[in-house]
Amino acid sequence: MKATVYVTIKENVLDPQGSAVQGALHSLGFAEVNNVRIGKYMELNLDTNDRAEAEERLKAMCEKLLANTVVEDFRFELEG
């Protein structure tokens, strides 16, 4: 089963990397861009066909390693 995990900085946390990218885009003439937020994208292949088990295991992976839940949010999608 294929899992896609998205990790993003929480809305109330400053994102200096996103601010730097926004500033660079503005300096390149893309003035319409505002509020850039940087995150992480991951693809994992899970050796299970049990969707409930996969969701439970993915949640544990995100909470223990893939996301810093103090400052980041996560969500995932499952295919298969």
Protein backbone atom coordinates (compact mmCIF):
# COMPACT_ATOMS: atom_id res chain seq x y z
CA MET A 1 0.00 0.00 0.00
CA LYS A 2 1.40 3.41 -0.93
CA ALA A 3 1.28 6.22 1.61
CA THR A 4 1.87 9.90 0.95
CA VAL A 5 2.74 12.03 3.98
CA TYR A 6 2.61 15.83 4.09
CA VAL A 7 4.25 17.71 6.96
CA THR A 8 3.75 21.48 7.29
CA ILE A 9 4.66 24.15 9.81
CA LYS A 10 1.70 25.02 12.06
CA GLU A 11 -0.07 28.25 11.15
CA ASN A 12 0.93 30.02 14.37
CA VAL A 13 4.65 29.17 13.96
CA LEU A 14 6.98 31.49 12.04
CA ASP A 15 8.42 30.02 8.85
CA PRO A 16 11.73 31.79 8.10
CA GLN A 17 12.44 29.54 5.11
CA GLY A 18 9.04 30.39 3.63
CA SER A 19 9.70 34.10 4.22
CA ALA A 20 13.06 33.82 2.43
CA VAL A 21 11.44 32.11 -0.56
CA GLN A 22 8.70 34.74 -0.66
CA GLY A 23 11.32 37.52 -0.65
CA ALA A 24 13.27 35.82 -3.44
CA LEU A 25 10.13 35.41 -5.53
CA HIS A 26 9.30 39.08 -5.05
CA SER A 27 12.81 40.08 -6.12
CA LEU A 28 12.34 37.98 -9.27
CA GLY A 29 9.18 39.89 -10.13
CA PHE A 30 6.54 37.57 -8.70
CA ALA A 31 4.88 40.20 -6.51
CA GLU A 32 1.55 38.34 -6.42
CA VAL A 33 3.00 35.63 -4.13
CA ASN A 34 2.30 35.98 -0.42
CA ASN A 35 2.48 33.84 2.72
CA VAL A 36 4.80 31.07 1.49
CA ARG A 37 4.95 28.04 3.81
CA ILE A 38 7.59 25.34 3.36
CA GLY A 39 6.86 21.70 4.19
CA LYS A 40 7.93 18.12 3.54
CA TYR A 41 6.52 15.50 1.20
CA MET A 42 7.22 11.78 1.65
CA GLU A 43 6.18 8.59 -0.13
CA LEU A 44 6.27 5.30 1.75
CA ASN A 45 5.39 1.78 0.63
CA LEU A 46 3.78 -0.23 3.40
CA ASP A 47 3.76 -4.01 3.38
CA THR A 48 0.13 -4.43 4.45
CA ASN A 49 -3.32 -4.58 2.91
CA ASP A 50 -5.10 -3.66 6.14
CA ARG A 51 -6.09 0.00 5.76
CA ALA A 52 -6.90 0.52 9.47
CA GLU A 53 -3.53 -0.93 10.50
CA ALA A 54 -1.75 1.23 7.92
CA GLU A 55 -3.44 4.38 9.22
CA GLU A 56 -2.55 3.51 12.81
CA ARG A 57 1.08 2.77 11.92
CA LEU A 58 1.42 5.92 9.79
CA LYS A 59 0.07 8.06 12.61
CA ALA A 60 2.65 6.53 14.97
CA MET A 61 5.47 7.08 12.42
CA CYS A 62 4.51 10.74 12.03
CA GLU A 63 4.21 11.36 15.75
CA LYS A 64 7.50 9.59 16.59
CA LEU A 65 9.78 10.59 13.71
CA LEU A 66 8.42 12.17 10.54
CA ALA A 67 6.93 15.31 12.12
CA ASN A 68 7.86 17.48 15.08
CA THR A 69 4.33 17.74 16.43
CA VAL A 70 5.24 20.73 18.63
CA VAL A 71 5.65 22.97 15.56
CA GLU A 72 4.41 20.85 12.63
CA ASP A 73 1.13 19.37 11.46
CA PHE A 74 0.88 16.24 9.34
CA ARG A 75 -1.62 14.47 7.17
CA PHE A 76 -1.39 11.39 5.00
CA GLU A 77 -3.16 9.66 2.15
CA LEU A 78 -3.28 5.95 1.36
CA GLU A 79 -3.57 4.31 -2.07
CA GLY A 80 -4.32 0.68 -2.60
